[in-house]
Amino acid sequence: MECILLYGCESWVIKRAEEKYLESFEMWLWRRMEGIKWTDKVRNEEVLRRVGEQRSLLKAIRKRKRNWLGHIMYFAEIVSEESDGRKNRGKERKRKKKARYIE
């Protein structure tokens, strides 16, 4: 479920109100998985204790954003390499590309 939820989160702009919605959604998922109804009046801390987890959705989003920023900065270095501006005559030889790809 987390993969589907976090798809494309690297480019999201999240405001405080949206953070609250995401936290609420995460707790709704935990309650749903444990079979706890809203009318049972179980606190969020108790739900997290029962499942043995901590709130991790916003942490995962922040981690993915940092990762993505690292990739962008790495590729910006590759693209911004300067050349001398000259080109050899004739057809260009086939060579291996110098750029490394992210695995």
C-alpha atoms as a PDB file:
ATOM      1  CA  MET A   1       0.000   0.000   0.000  1.00  0.00           C
ATOM      2  CA  GLU A   2       2.849   2.372   0.797  1.00  0.00           C
ATOM      3  CA  CYS A   3       4.263   2.124  -2.727  1.00  0.00           C
ATOM      4  CA  ILE A   4       0.964   3.187  -4.245  1.00  0.00           C
ATOM      5  CA  LEU A   5       0.458   5.976  -1.740  1.00  0.00           C
ATOM      6  CA  LEU A   6       3.948   7.443  -2.124  1.00  0.00           C
ATOM      7  CA  TYR A   7       4.136   7.270  -5.925  1.00  0.00           C
ATOM      8  CA  GLY A   8       5.427  10.629  -7.157  1.00  0.00           C
ATOM      9  CA  CYS A   9       5.698  12.130  -3.663  1.00  0.00           C
ATOM     10  CA  GLU A  10       9.138  13.528  -4.520  1.00  0.00           C
ATOM     11  CA  SER A  11       7.497  16.386  -6.399  1.00  0.00           C
ATOM     12  CA  TRP A  12       4.671  17.091  -3.959  1.00  0.00           C
ATOM     13  CA  VAL A  13       4.477  20.417  -2.169  1.00  0.00           C
ATOM     14  CA  ILE A  14       3.029  19.553   1.224  1.00  0.00           C
ATOM     15  CA  LYS A  15       1.549  22.196   3.515  1.00  0.00           C
ATOM     16  CA  ARG A  16       0.820  21.748   7.215  1.00  0.00           C
ATOM     17  CA  ALA A  17      -2.860  21.060   6.607  1.00  0.00           C
ATOM     18  CA  GLU A  18      -1.974  18.373   4.083  1.00  0.00           C
ATOM     19  CA  GLU A  19       0.476  16.850   6.576  1.00  0.00           C
ATOM     20  CA  LYS A  20      -2.432  16.467   8.986  1.00  0.00           C
ATOM     21  CA  TYR A  21      -4.486  14.746   6.273  1.00  0.00           C
ATOM     22  CA  LEU A  22      -1.628  12.345   5.549  1.00  0.00           C
ATOM     23  CA  GLU A  23      -1.184  11.557   9.245  1.00  0.00           C
ATOM     24  CA  SER A  24      -4.929  10.958   9.563  1.00  0.00           C
ATOM     25  CA  PHE A  25      -4.872   8.676   6.547  1.00  0.00           C
ATOM     26  CA  GLU A  26      -1.958   6.701   7.982  1.00  0.00           C
ATOM     27  CA  MET A  27      -3.831   6.190  11.246  1.00  0.00           C
ATOM     28  CA  TRP A  28      -6.971   5.217   9.325  1.00  0.00           C
ATOM     29  CA  LEU A  29      -4.939   2.513   7.559  1.00  0.00           C
ATOM     30  CA  TRP A  30      -3.586   1.147  10.856  1.00  0.00           C
ATOM     31  CA  ARG A  31      -7.069   1.125  12.384  1.00  0.00           C
ATOM     32  CA  ARG A  32      -8.471  -0.586   9.313  1.00  0.00           C
ATOM     33  CA  MET A  33      -5.782  -3.288   9.391  1.00  0.00           C
ATOM     34  CA  GLU A  34      -6.370  -3.925  13.102  1.00  0.00           C
ATOM     35  CA  GLY A  35     -10.155  -3.898  12.752  1.00  0.00           C
ATOM     36  CA  ILE A  36     -10.573  -0.993  15.172  1.00  0.00           C
ATOM     37  CA  LYS A  37     -13.691   1.080  14.598  1.00  0.00           C
ATOM     38  CA  TRP A  38     -13.882   4.818  15.216  1.00  0.00           C
ATOM     39  CA  THR A  39     -16.666   4.202  17.711  1.00  0.00           C
ATOM     40  CA  ASP A  40     -14.320   2.074  19.865  1.00  0.00           C
ATOM     41  CA  LYS A  41     -12.646   5.313  21.025  1.00  0.00           C
ATOM     42  CA  VAL A  42      -9.102   3.942  20.976  1.00  0.00           C
ATOM     43  CA  ARG A  43      -6.361   6.585  21.049  1.00  0.00           C
ATOM     44  CA  ASN A  44      -3.824   6.778  18.233  1.00  0.00           C
ATOM     45  CA  GLU A  45      -0.966   5.957  20.609  1.00  0.00           C
ATOM     46  CA  GLU A  46      -2.758   2.767  21.636  1.00  0.00           C
ATOM     47  CA  VAL A  47      -3.303   1.781  18.000  1.00  0.00           C
ATOM     48  CA  LEU A  48       0.392   2.304  17.233  1.00  0.00           C
ATOM     49  CA  ARG A  49       1.360   0.316  20.328  1.00  0.00           C
ATOM     50  CA  ARG A  50      -0.878  -2.576  19.246  1.00  0.00           C
ATOM     51  CA  VAL A  51       0.650  -2.766  15.778  1.00  0.00           C
ATOM     52  CA  GLY A  52       4.163  -2.144  17.091  1.00  0.00           C
ATOM     53  CA  GLU A  53       4.827   0.694  14.663  1.00  0.00           C
ATOM     54  CA  GLN A  54       5.502   4.413  14.696  1.00  0.00           C
ATOM     55  CA  ARG A  55       4.173   7.082  12.404  1.00  0.00           C
ATOM     56  CA  SER A  56       6.397   6.817   9.376  1.00  0.00           C
ATOM     57  CA  LEU A  57       4.538   8.170   6.356  1.00  0.00           C
ATOM     58  CA  LEU A  58       5.833  11.755   6.536  1.00  0.00           C
ATOM     59  CA  LYS A  59       9.334  10.488   7.349  1.00  0.00           C
ATOM     60  CA  ALA A  60       9.242   8.301   4.240  1.00  0.00           C
ATOM     61  CA  ILE A  61       8.107  11.248   2.100  1.00  0.00           C
ATOM     62  CA  ARG A  62      10.913  13.465   3.430  1.00  0.00           C
ATOM     63  CA  LYS A  63      13.472  10.715   2.851  1.00  0.00           C
ATOM     64  CA  ARG A  64      12.316  10.249  -0.754  1.00  0.00           C
ATOM     65  CA  LYS A  65      12.484  14.006  -1.359  1.00  0.00           C
ATOM     66  CA  ARG A  66      16.073  14.130  -0.061  1.00  0.00           C
ATOM     67  CA  ASN A  67      16.993  11.158  -2.236  1.00  0.00           C
ATOM     68  CA  TRP A  68      15.441  12.777  -5.307  1.00  0.00           C
ATOM     69  CA  LEU A  69      17.251  16.047  -4.622  1.00  0.00           C
ATOM     70  CA  GLY A  70      20.541  14.131  -4.521  1.00  0.00           C
ATOM     71  CA  HIS A  71      19.794  12.570  -7.906  1.00  0.00           C
ATOM     72  CA  ILE A  72      18.920  15.940  -9.418  1.00  0.00           C
ATOM     73  CA  MET A  73      22.101  17.537  -8.093  1.00  0.00           C
ATOM     74  CA  TYR A  74      24.180  14.630  -9.424  1.00  0.00           C
ATOM     75  CA  PHE A  75      22.697  14.892 -12.921  1.00  0.00           C
ATOM     76  CA  ALA A  76      23.046  18.673 -12.895  1.00  0.00           C
ATOM     77  CA  GLU A  77      26.813  18.184 -12.495  1.00  0.00           C
ATOM     78  CA  ILE A  78      26.944  15.799 -15.468  1.00  0.00           C
ATOM     79  CA  VAL A  79      24.880  18.044 -17.725  1.00  0.00           C
ATOM     80  CA  SER A  80      26.756  21.213 -16.832  1.00  0.00           C
ATOM     81  CA  GLU A  81      30.187  19.861 -17.821  1.00  0.00           C
ATOM     82  CA  GLU A  82      31.711  22.336 -20.216  1.00  0.00           C
ATOM     83  CA  SER A  83      33.174  21.392 -23.564  1.00  0.00           C
ATOM     84  CA  ASP A  84      35.674  23.328 -25.639  1.00  0.00           C
ATOM     85  CA  GLY A  85      33.005  24.023 -28.252  1.00  0.00           C
ATOM     86  CA  ARG A  86      34.795  22.332 -31.156  1.00  0.00           C
ATOM     87  CA  LYS A  87      33.493  19.428 -33.152  1.00  0.00           C
ATOM     88  CA  ASN A  88      35.515  17.052 -35.281  1.00  0.00           C
ATOM     89  CA  ARG A  89      34.792  16.760 -38.992  1.00  0.00           C
ATOM     90  CA  GLY A  90      32.964  13.757 -40.348  1.00  0.00           C
ATOM     91  CA  LYS A  91      30.731  11.209 -38.769  1.00  0.00           C
ATOM     92  CA  GLU A  92      30.988  10.892 -35.013  1.00  0.00           C
ATOM     93  CA  ARG A  93      32.486   7.651 -33.725  1.00  0.00           C
ATOM     94  CA  LYS A  94      30.408   5.364 -31.590  1.00  0.00           C
ATOM     95  CA  ARG A  95      31.670   5.434 -28.006  1.00  0.00           C
ATOM     96  CA  LYS A  96      30.486   4.451 -24.615  1.00  0.00           C
ATOM     97  CA  LYS A  97      28.667   7.241 -22.877  1.00  0.00           C
ATOM     98  CA  LYS A  98      30.505   8.821 -19.979  1.00  0.00           C
ATOM     99  CA  ALA A  99      27.395   9.481 -17.923  1.00  0.00           C
ATOM    100  CA  ARG A 100      26.662   7.036 -15.134  1.00  0.00           C
ATOM    101  CA  TYR A 101      23.072   6.045 -14.635  1.00  0.00           C
ATOM    102  CA  ILE A 102      21.337   5.723 -11.311  1.00  0.00           C
ATOM    103  CA  GLU A 103      20.572   2.148 -10.395  1.00  0.00           C
END
